[in-house]
Amino acid sequence: MVKAPYKRIHKHGKGRGNEPMVVCSFCGKKVPKYKTFEKKGKFSLSDPSMKKELSKNKVMLPSKRLYVCLSCARHRKISQPGKSRKSKRD
């Protein structure tokens, strides 16, 4: 059996008695919050006239918080296995 090039390690700050469940923003799967990756999404407007008005007034658009499950993060290359670890020898 081939060993995976990464380890599925979840570093918890507290006990997992009652973990809050969140919904993955891409696939809709319910996942415990500690197993998700947070990604900041941009707030977009579809109306071009509103974009022009906001750019003139220099209004800051809010960003939304996206929760991504492990499989979606790996598929969309949000988390890349082995990139966080430093190599032992150069």
N, C-alpha and C. Protein backbone atom coordinates (compact mmCIF):
# COMPACT_ATOMS: atom_id res chain seq x y z
N MET A 1 0.84 -1.18 0.00
CA MET A 1 0.00 0.00 0.00
C MET A 1 0.89 1.25 0.00
N VAL A 2 0.56 2.20 -0.84
CA VAL A 2 1.35 3.41 -0.98
C VAL A 2 0.99 4.39 0.14
N LYS A 3 2.01 4.97 0.72
CA LYS A 3 1.79 5.93 1.80
C LYS A 3 1.52 7.32 1.20
N ALA A 4 0.56 8.02 1.76
CA ALA A 4 0.20 9.35 1.26
C ALA A 4 1.32 10.34 1.54
N PRO A 5 1.53 11.35 0.66
CA PRO A 5 2.60 12.32 0.87
C PRO A 5 2.26 13.39 1.90
N TYR A 6 1.14 13.24 2.57
CA TYR A 6 0.72 14.23 3.56
C TYR A 6 0.04 13.50 4.71
N LYS A 7 -0.09 14.19 5.81
CA LYS A 7 -0.76 13.63 6.98
C LYS A 7 -2.01 14.43 7.26
N ARG A 8 -3.08 13.74 7.58
CA ARG A 8 -4.33 14.43 7.93
C ARG A 8 -4.30 14.71 9.42
N ILE A 9 -3.72 15.83 9.79
CA ILE A 9 -3.59 16.22 11.18
C ILE A 9 -4.49 17.41 11.43
N HIS A 10 -5.30 17.30 12.45
CA HIS A 10 -6.18 18.41 12.83
C HIS A 10 -5.76 18.85 14.24
N LYS A 11 -5.24 20.04 14.33
CA LYS A 11 -4.77 20.55 15.61
C LYS A 11 -5.93 21.25 16.30
N HIS A 12 -6.40 20.65 17.37
CA HIS A 12 -7.57 21.18 18.07
C HIS A 12 -7.14 22.06 19.22
N GLY A 13 -7.91 23.09 19.46
CA GLY A 13 -7.63 23.96 20.58
C GLY A 13 -8.39 23.54 21.81
N LYS A 14 -9.45 22.77 21.62
CA LYS A 14 -10.26 22.34 22.77
C LYS A 14 -10.81 20.95 22.47
N GLY A 15 -11.51 20.40 23.43
CA GLY A 15 -12.11 19.09 23.24
C GLY A 15 -13.24 19.14 22.22
N ARG A 16 -13.49 17.99 21.60
CA ARG A 16 -14.50 17.94 20.56
C ARG A 16 -15.84 17.40 21.08
N GLY A 17 -16.30 17.96 22.19
CA GLY A 17 -17.56 17.49 22.74
C GLY A 17 -18.73 17.81 21.84
N ASN A 18 -18.89 19.04 21.46
CA ASN A 18 -19.99 19.46 20.60
C ASN A 18 -19.44 20.45 19.58
N GLU A 19 -18.94 19.93 18.49
CA GLU A 19 -18.35 20.78 17.45
C GLU A 19 -19.44 21.44 16.63
N PRO A 20 -19.30 22.73 16.33
CA PRO A 20 -20.28 23.36 15.43
C PRO A 20 -20.10 22.84 14.01
N MET A 21 -21.22 22.52 13.36
CA MET A 21 -21.18 22.04 11.99
C MET A 21 -21.37 23.22 11.05
N VAL A 22 -20.58 23.29 9.99
CA VAL A 22 -20.71 24.32 8.98
C VAL A 22 -20.95 23.65 7.63
N VAL A 23 -21.47 24.42 6.69
CA VAL A 23 -21.76 23.90 5.36
C VAL A 23 -20.65 24.34 4.41
N CYS A 24 -20.13 23.41 3.65
CA CYS A 24 -19.09 23.73 2.66
C CYS A 24 -19.69 24.66 1.61
N SER A 25 -18.95 25.69 1.25
CA SER A 25 -19.46 26.70 0.32
C SER A 25 -19.52 26.19 -1.12
N PHE A 26 -18.76 25.14 -1.44
CA PHE A 26 -18.73 24.64 -2.81
C PHE A 26 -19.63 23.43 -3.03
N CYS A 27 -19.54 22.43 -2.13
CA CYS A 27 -20.31 21.20 -2.37
C CYS A 27 -21.55 21.09 -1.50
N GLY A 28 -21.66 21.89 -0.43
CA GLY A 28 -22.84 21.86 0.42
C GLY A 28 -22.81 20.77 1.48
N LYS A 29 -21.67 20.11 1.66
CA LYS A 29 -21.55 19.04 2.65
C LYS A 29 -21.46 19.64 4.05
N LYS A 30 -22.11 19.01 5.04
CA LYS A 30 -22.01 19.44 6.43
C LYS A 30 -20.75 18.82 7.03
N VAL A 31 -19.86 19.69 7.54
CA VAL A 31 -18.56 19.26 8.04
C VAL A 31 -18.33 19.94 9.39
N PRO A 32 -17.67 19.26 10.35
CA PRO A 32 -17.28 19.95 11.58
C PRO A 32 -16.35 21.13 11.27
N LYS A 33 -16.47 22.18 12.04
CA LYS A 33 -15.74 23.42 11.73
C LYS A 33 -14.23 23.24 11.77
N TYR A 34 -13.74 22.34 12.63
CA TYR A 34 -12.29 22.18 12.74
C TYR A 34 -11.69 21.50 11.52
N LYS A 35 -12.51 20.84 10.70
CA LYS A 35 -12.00 20.17 9.50
C LYS A 35 -12.07 21.06 8.25
N THR A 36 -12.47 22.30 8.39
CA THR A 36 -12.63 23.16 7.23
C THR A 36 -11.49 24.15 7.10
N PHE A 37 -11.36 24.68 5.91
CA PHE A 37 -10.43 25.76 5.63
C PHE A 37 -11.25 27.02 5.41
N GLU A 38 -10.80 28.14 5.95
CA GLU A 38 -11.50 29.41 5.75
C GLU A 38 -10.87 30.14 4.59
N LYS A 39 -11.73 30.66 3.74
CA LYS A 39 -11.26 31.43 2.59
C LYS A 39 -12.11 32.68 2.52
N LYS A 40 -11.49 33.81 2.25
CA LYS A 40 -12.25 35.05 2.13
C LYS A 40 -12.71 35.21 0.70
N GLY A 41 -14.01 35.36 0.53
CA GLY A 41 -14.58 35.55 -0.79
C GLY A 41 -14.87 37.01 -1.03
N LYS A 42 -14.91 37.39 -2.28
CA LYS A 42 -15.19 38.78 -2.61
C LYS A 42 -16.67 38.98 -2.82
N PHE A 43 -17.15 40.14 -2.46
CA PHE A 43 -18.53 40.51 -2.66
C PHE A 43 -18.64 41.11 -4.06
N SER A 44 -19.52 40.58 -4.89
CA SER A 44 -19.60 41.06 -6.27
C SER A 44 -20.96 41.66 -6.56
N LEU A 45 -20.96 42.63 -7.45
CA LEU A 45 -22.19 43.26 -7.92
C LEU A 45 -22.37 42.95 -9.39
N SER A 46 -23.61 42.66 -9.77
CA SER A 46 -23.86 42.31 -11.17
C SER A 46 -24.28 43.54 -11.99
N ASP A 47 -24.74 44.59 -11.33
CA ASP A 47 -25.22 45.77 -12.04
C ASP A 47 -24.04 46.72 -12.34
N PRO A 48 -23.74 46.99 -13.61
CA PRO A 48 -22.59 47.85 -13.94
C PRO A 48 -22.75 49.29 -13.47
N SER A 49 -23.98 49.80 -13.43
CA SER A 49 -24.18 51.18 -12.99
C SER A 49 -23.86 51.33 -11.50
N MET A 50 -24.16 50.29 -10.71
CA MET A 50 -23.84 50.33 -9.28
C MET A 50 -22.32 50.30 -9.08
N LYS A 51 -21.62 49.56 -9.92
CA LYS A 51 -20.16 49.49 -9.81
C LYS A 51 -19.53 50.85 -10.05
N LYS A 52 -20.05 51.59 -11.04
CA LYS A 52 -19.52 52.91 -11.34
C LYS A 52 -19.76 53.87 -10.18
N GLU A 53 -20.95 53.82 -9.60
CA GLU A 53 -21.28 54.71 -8.48
C GLU A 53 -20.40 54.41 -7.27
N LEU A 54 -20.19 53.12 -7.00
CA LEU A 54 -19.38 52.75 -5.84
C LEU A 54 -17.91 53.11 -6.05
N SER A 55 -17.42 53.00 -7.29
CA SER A 55 -16.02 53.34 -7.54
C SER A 55 -15.79 54.85 -7.41
N LYS A 56 -16.80 55.65 -7.74
CA LYS A 56 -16.66 57.11 -7.58
C LYS A 56 -16.62 57.50 -6.11
N ASN A 57 -17.43 56.84 -5.31
CA ASN A 57 -17.51 57.18 -3.88
C ASN A 57 -16.44 56.49 -3.05
N LYS A 58 -15.69 55.56 -3.67
CA LYS A 58 -14.64 54.80 -2.99
C LYS A 58 -15.18 54.08 -1.75
N VAL A 59 -16.24 53.34 -1.95
CA VAL A 59 -16.87 52.57 -0.88
C VAL A 59 -16.18 51.21 -0.79
N MET A 60 -15.88 50.77 0.42
CA MET A 60 -15.26 49.46 0.63
C MET A 60 -16.36 48.40 0.61
N LEU A 61 -16.20 47.39 -0.23
CA LEU A 61 -17.15 46.30 -0.28
C LEU A 61 -16.76 45.24 0.75
N PRO A 62 -17.73 44.68 1.45
CA PRO A 62 -17.39 43.66 2.46
C PRO A 62 -16.97 42.36 1.81
N SER A 63 -16.17 41.59 2.52
CA SER A 63 -15.78 40.27 2.03
C SER A 63 -16.52 39.23 2.87
N LYS A 64 -16.91 38.14 2.23
CA LYS A 64 -17.62 37.11 2.96
C LYS A 64 -16.67 35.97 3.28
N ARG A 65 -16.98 35.23 4.33
CA ARG A 65 -16.14 34.13 4.79
C ARG A 65 -16.69 32.83 4.22
N LEU A 66 -15.85 32.10 3.51
CA LEU A 66 -16.24 30.83 2.93
C LEU A 66 -15.59 29.70 3.72
N TYR A 67 -16.36 28.67 4.02
CA TYR A 67 -15.83 27.47 4.65
C TYR A 67 -15.73 26.39 3.60
N VAL A 68 -14.55 25.77 3.48
CA VAL A 68 -14.30 24.78 2.44
C VAL A 68 -13.92 23.46 3.11
N CYS A 69 -14.57 22.36 2.70
CA CYS A 69 -14.25 21.05 3.27
C CYS A 69 -12.91 20.55 2.72
N LEU A 70 -12.41 19.46 3.28
CA LEU A 70 -11.10 18.94 2.90
C LEU A 70 -11.03 18.53 1.43
N SER A 71 -12.06 17.84 0.96
CA SER A 71 -12.01 17.35 -0.42
C SER A 71 -12.09 18.50 -1.42
N CYS A 72 -12.92 19.50 -1.15
CA CYS A 72 -13.02 20.66 -2.06
C CYS A 72 -11.74 21.48 -2.02
N ALA A 73 -11.14 21.61 -0.84
CA ALA A 73 -9.89 22.38 -0.71
C ALA A 73 -8.77 21.71 -1.50
N ARG A 74 -8.73 20.38 -1.47
CA ARG A 74 -7.71 19.67 -2.22
C ARG A 74 -7.98 19.76 -3.72
N HIS A 75 -9.26 19.67 -4.11
CA HIS A 75 -9.62 19.72 -5.52
C HIS A 75 -9.37 21.10 -6.13
N ARG A 76 -9.67 22.15 -5.37
CA ARG A 76 -9.51 23.52 -5.87
C ARG A 76 -8.14 24.11 -5.54
N LYS A 77 -7.25 23.29 -5.00
CA LYS A 77 -5.87 23.66 -4.69
C LYS A 77 -5.77 24.82 -3.70
N ILE A 78 -6.70 24.84 -2.73
CA ILE A 78 -6.62 25.79 -1.63
C ILE A 78 -5.56 25.31 -0.64
N SER A 79 -5.58 24.01 -0.37
CA SER A 79 -4.53 23.40 0.46
C SER A 79 -3.78 22.41 -0.41
N GLN A 80 -2.48 22.55 -0.46
CA GLN A 80 -1.67 21.65 -1.27
C GLN A 80 -0.83 20.79 -0.35
N PRO A 81 -1.00 19.47 -0.43
CA PRO A 81 -0.27 18.57 0.46
C PRO A 81 1.24 18.71 0.28
N GLY A 82 1.96 18.79 1.40
CA GLY A 82 3.41 18.84 1.36
C GLY A 82 4.00 20.23 1.19
N LYS A 83 3.20 21.23 0.88
CA LYS A 83 3.74 22.59 0.69
C LYS A 83 4.08 23.25 2.01
N SER A 84 3.35 22.91 3.09
CA SER A 84 3.58 23.59 4.36
C SER A 84 4.82 23.05 5.08
N ARG A 85 5.17 21.80 4.80
CA ARG A 85 6.34 21.21 5.46
C ARG A 85 7.62 21.66 4.78
N LYS A 86 8.63 21.92 5.57
CA LYS A 86 9.93 22.27 5.02
C LYS A 86 10.69 20.98 4.72
N SER A 87 11.43 20.99 3.65
CA SER A 87 12.18 19.79 3.31
C SER A 87 13.31 19.58 4.33
N LYS A 88 13.63 18.32 4.56
CA LYS A 88 14.64 18.00 5.56
C LYS A 88 16.03 18.41 5.09
N ARG A 89 16.29 18.14 3.80
CA ARG A 89 17.60 18.53 3.25
C ARG A 89 17.40 19.31 1.96
N ASP A 90 18.23 20.25 1.73
CA ASP A 90 18.13 21.06 0.50
C ASP A 90 18.93 20.45 -0.63
